[in-house]
């Protein structure tokens, strides 16, 4: 199974660590993980980053939303797209991760 990680990047100086931690957790469940945090931090317009991120999301079976996803306009848009496409949606928990179903 493939999974895309969605969460706040813009304005979060610790986003790489946050996304990497989530990626490592998801990999322990056997997922192939795609993360927008692998994109370069500069060199593209905001709209270009959104297009690249959405392309990754579309190709995945599931989308995993970090706790701060509601603080990000991009992640909110990704949530709408995931719902529209019928993706499996999972949400990060503060005490434990729940994988494989909508909340």
C-alpha atoms as a PDB file:
ATOM      1  CA  UNK A   1       0.000   0.000   0.000  1.00  0.00           C
ATOM      2  CA  UNK A   2       1.088   3.533  -0.727  1.00  0.00           C
ATOM      3  CA  UNK A   3       0.406   6.475   1.556  1.00  0.00           C
ATOM      4  CA  UNK A   4       0.821  10.232   1.256  1.00  0.00           C
ATOM      5  CA  UNK A   5       1.560  12.398   4.302  1.00  0.00           C
ATOM      6  CA  UNK A   6      -0.313  15.712   4.569  1.00  0.00           C
ATOM      7  CA  UNK A   7       0.298  18.437   7.105  1.00  0.00           C
ATOM      8  CA  UNK A   8       1.497  21.970   7.660  1.00  0.00           C
ATOM      9  CA  UNK A   9       4.748  22.911   5.939  1.00  0.00           C
ATOM     10  CA  UNK A  10       4.565  26.653   5.276  1.00  0.00           C
ATOM     11  CA  UNK A  11       5.603  28.565   8.381  1.00  0.00           C
ATOM     12  CA  UNK A  12       6.753  25.478  10.289  1.00  0.00           C
ATOM     13  CA  UNK A  13      10.563  25.426  10.634  1.00  0.00           C
ATOM     14  CA  UNK A  14      10.389  21.874  12.041  1.00  0.00           C
ATOM     15  CA  UNK A  15       8.356  20.372   9.225  1.00  0.00           C
ATOM     16  CA  UNK A  16      11.113  18.111   7.872  1.00  0.00           C
ATOM     17  CA  UNK A  17      11.566  16.354  11.222  1.00  0.00           C
ATOM     18  CA  UNK A  18       7.799  16.069  11.746  1.00  0.00           C
ATOM     19  CA  UNK A  19       7.240  14.515   8.300  1.00  0.00           C
ATOM     20  CA  UNK A  20      10.301  12.245   8.643  1.00  0.00           C
ATOM     21  CA  UNK A  21       9.066  10.928  11.996  1.00  0.00           C
ATOM     22  CA  UNK A  22       5.672  10.166  10.451  1.00  0.00           C
ATOM     23  CA  UNK A  23       7.299   8.517   7.452  1.00  0.00           C
ATOM     24  CA  UNK A  24       9.385   6.214   9.640  1.00  0.00           C
ATOM     25  CA  UNK A  25       6.307   5.193  11.659  1.00  0.00           C
ATOM     26  CA  UNK A  26       4.291   4.483   8.530  1.00  0.00           C
ATOM     27  CA  UNK A  27       7.126   2.455   7.024  1.00  0.00           C
ATOM     28  CA  UNK A  28       7.032   0.158  10.072  1.00  0.00           C
ATOM     29  CA  UNK A  29       3.466  -0.709   9.020  1.00  0.00           C
ATOM     30  CA  UNK A  30       4.756  -1.692   5.592  1.00  0.00           C
ATOM     31  CA  UNK A  31       3.667   1.393   3.667  1.00  0.00           C
ATOM     32  CA  UNK A  32       5.481   2.912   0.732  1.00  0.00           C
ATOM     33  CA  UNK A  33       5.443   6.561   1.759  1.00  0.00           C
ATOM     34  CA  UNK A  34       5.301   9.722  -0.323  1.00  0.00           C
ATOM     35  CA  UNK A  35       5.925  13.002   1.464  1.00  0.00           C
ATOM     36  CA  UNK A  36       5.913  16.586   0.211  1.00  0.00           C
ATOM     37  CA  UNK A  37       8.765  17.295   2.624  1.00  0.00           C
ATOM     38  CA  UNK A  38      11.169  15.752   0.092  1.00  0.00           C
ATOM     39  CA  UNK A  39      10.588  18.659  -2.278  1.00  0.00           C
ATOM     40  CA  UNK A  40      13.252  21.390  -2.254  1.00  0.00           C
ATOM     41  CA  UNK A  41      12.481  24.213   0.173  1.00  0.00           C
ATOM     42  CA  UNK A  42      12.923  26.900  -2.487  1.00  0.00           C
ATOM     43  CA  UNK A  43      12.994  27.384  -6.225  1.00  0.00           C
ATOM     44  CA  UNK A  44       9.316  26.912  -7.040  1.00  0.00           C
ATOM     45  CA  UNK A  45       6.176  28.976  -6.634  1.00  0.00           C
ATOM     46  CA  UNK A  46       3.599  28.020  -4.007  1.00  0.00           C
ATOM     47  CA  UNK A  47       1.258  26.900  -6.802  1.00  0.00           C
ATOM     48  CA  UNK A  48       3.980  24.651  -8.240  1.00  0.00           C
ATOM     49  CA  UNK A  49       4.480  23.002  -4.827  1.00  0.00           C
ATOM     50  CA  UNK A  50       0.740  22.426  -4.579  1.00  0.00           C
ATOM     51  CA  UNK A  51       0.644  20.790  -8.027  1.00  0.00           C
ATOM     52  CA  UNK A  52       3.584  18.495  -7.203  1.00  0.00           C
ATOM     53  CA  UNK A  53       2.095  17.542  -3.841  1.00  0.00           C
ATOM     54  CA  UNK A  54      -1.318  16.843  -5.330  1.00  0.00           C
ATOM     55  CA  UNK A  55       0.263  14.628  -7.994  1.00  0.00           C
ATOM     56  CA  UNK A  56       1.835  12.528  -5.215  1.00  0.00           C
ATOM     57  CA  UNK A  57      -1.470  12.338  -3.332  1.00  0.00           C
ATOM     58  CA  UNK A  58      -3.379  11.184  -6.424  1.00  0.00           C
ATOM     59  CA  UNK A  59      -0.997   8.256  -6.926  1.00  0.00           C
ATOM     60  CA  UNK A  60      -1.335   6.933  -3.371  1.00  0.00           C
ATOM     61  CA  UNK A  61      -3.909   4.531  -1.952  1.00  0.00           C
ATOM     62  CA  UNK A  62      -4.206   6.352   1.357  1.00  0.00           C
ATOM     63  CA  UNK A  63      -3.618   9.801   2.835  1.00  0.00           C
ATOM     64  CA  UNK A  64      -2.304  10.301   6.374  1.00  0.00           C
ATOM     65  CA  UNK A  65      -3.064  13.665   7.951  1.00  0.00           C
ATOM     66  CA  UNK A  66      -0.749  15.015  10.637  1.00  0.00           C
ATOM     67  CA  UNK A  67      -2.315  16.696  13.666  1.00  0.00           C
ATOM     68  CA  UNK A  68      -1.717  20.191  12.285  1.00  0.00           C
ATOM     69  CA  UNK A  69      -3.337  19.647   8.892  1.00  0.00           C
ATOM     70  CA  UNK A  70      -6.216  22.021   9.659  1.00  0.00           C
ATOM     71  CA  UNK A  71      -3.665  24.848  10.103  1.00  0.00           C
ATOM     72  CA  UNK A  72      -2.582  24.507   6.460  1.00  0.00           C
ATOM     73  CA  UNK A  73      -4.612  25.704   3.485  1.00  0.00           C
ATOM     74  CA  UNK A  74      -2.709  23.259   1.281  1.00  0.00           C
ATOM     75  CA  UNK A  75      -3.439  20.299   3.551  1.00  0.00           C
ATOM     76  CA  UNK A  76      -7.093  21.342   3.802  1.00  0.00           C
ATOM     77  CA  UNK A  77      -7.232  21.288   0.011  1.00  0.00           C
ATOM     78  CA  UNK A  78      -5.555  17.863   0.022  1.00  0.00           C
ATOM     79  CA  UNK A  79      -8.228  16.648   2.437  1.00  0.00           C
ATOM     80  CA  UNK A  80     -10.963  17.767   0.026  1.00  0.00           C
ATOM     81  CA  UNK A  81      -9.202  16.029  -2.868  1.00  0.00           C
ATOM     82  CA  UNK A  82      -8.739  12.821  -0.871  1.00  0.00           C
ATOM     83  CA  UNK A  83     -12.439  12.779  -0.007  1.00  0.00           C
ATOM     84  CA  UNK A  84     -13.445  13.486  -3.601  1.00  0.00           C
ATOM     85  CA  UNK A  85     -11.208  10.685  -4.904  1.00  0.00           C
ATOM     86  CA  UNK A  86     -12.437   8.213  -2.281  1.00  0.00           C
ATOM     87  CA  UNK A  87      -8.988   7.719  -0.765  1.00  0.00           C
ATOM     88  CA  UNK A  88      -8.596   5.932   2.540  1.00  0.00           C
ATOM     89  CA  UNK A  89      -7.977   8.675   5.084  1.00  0.00           C
ATOM     90  CA  UNK A  90      -6.077   8.261   8.348  1.00  0.00           C
ATOM     91  CA  UNK A  91      -5.361  10.832  11.026  1.00  0.00           C
ATOM     92  CA  UNK A  92      -2.421  11.143  13.373  1.00  0.00           C
ATOM     93  CA  UNK A  93      -3.292  10.610  17.015  1.00  0.00           C
ATOM     94  CA  UNK A  94      -1.565  12.175  19.956  1.00  0.00           C
ATOM     95  CA  UNK A  95      -1.220   8.887  21.826  1.00  0.00           C
ATOM     96  CA  UNK A  96      -1.007   6.350  19.002  1.00  0.00           C
ATOM     97  CA  UNK A  97      -1.381   6.195  15.258  1.00  0.00           C
ATOM     98  CA  UNK A  98      -4.554   4.814  13.761  1.00  0.00           C
ATOM     99  CA  UNK A  99      -3.919   3.421  10.304  1.00  0.00           C
ATOM    100  CA  UNK A 100      -6.430   2.280   7.726  1.00  0.00           C
ATOM    101  CA  UNK A 101      -9.729   4.058   8.221  1.00  0.00           C
ATOM    102  CA  UNK A 102     -11.512   7.355   8.179  1.00  0.00           C
ATOM    103  CA  UNK A 103     -12.152   9.145  11.429  1.00  0.00           C
END
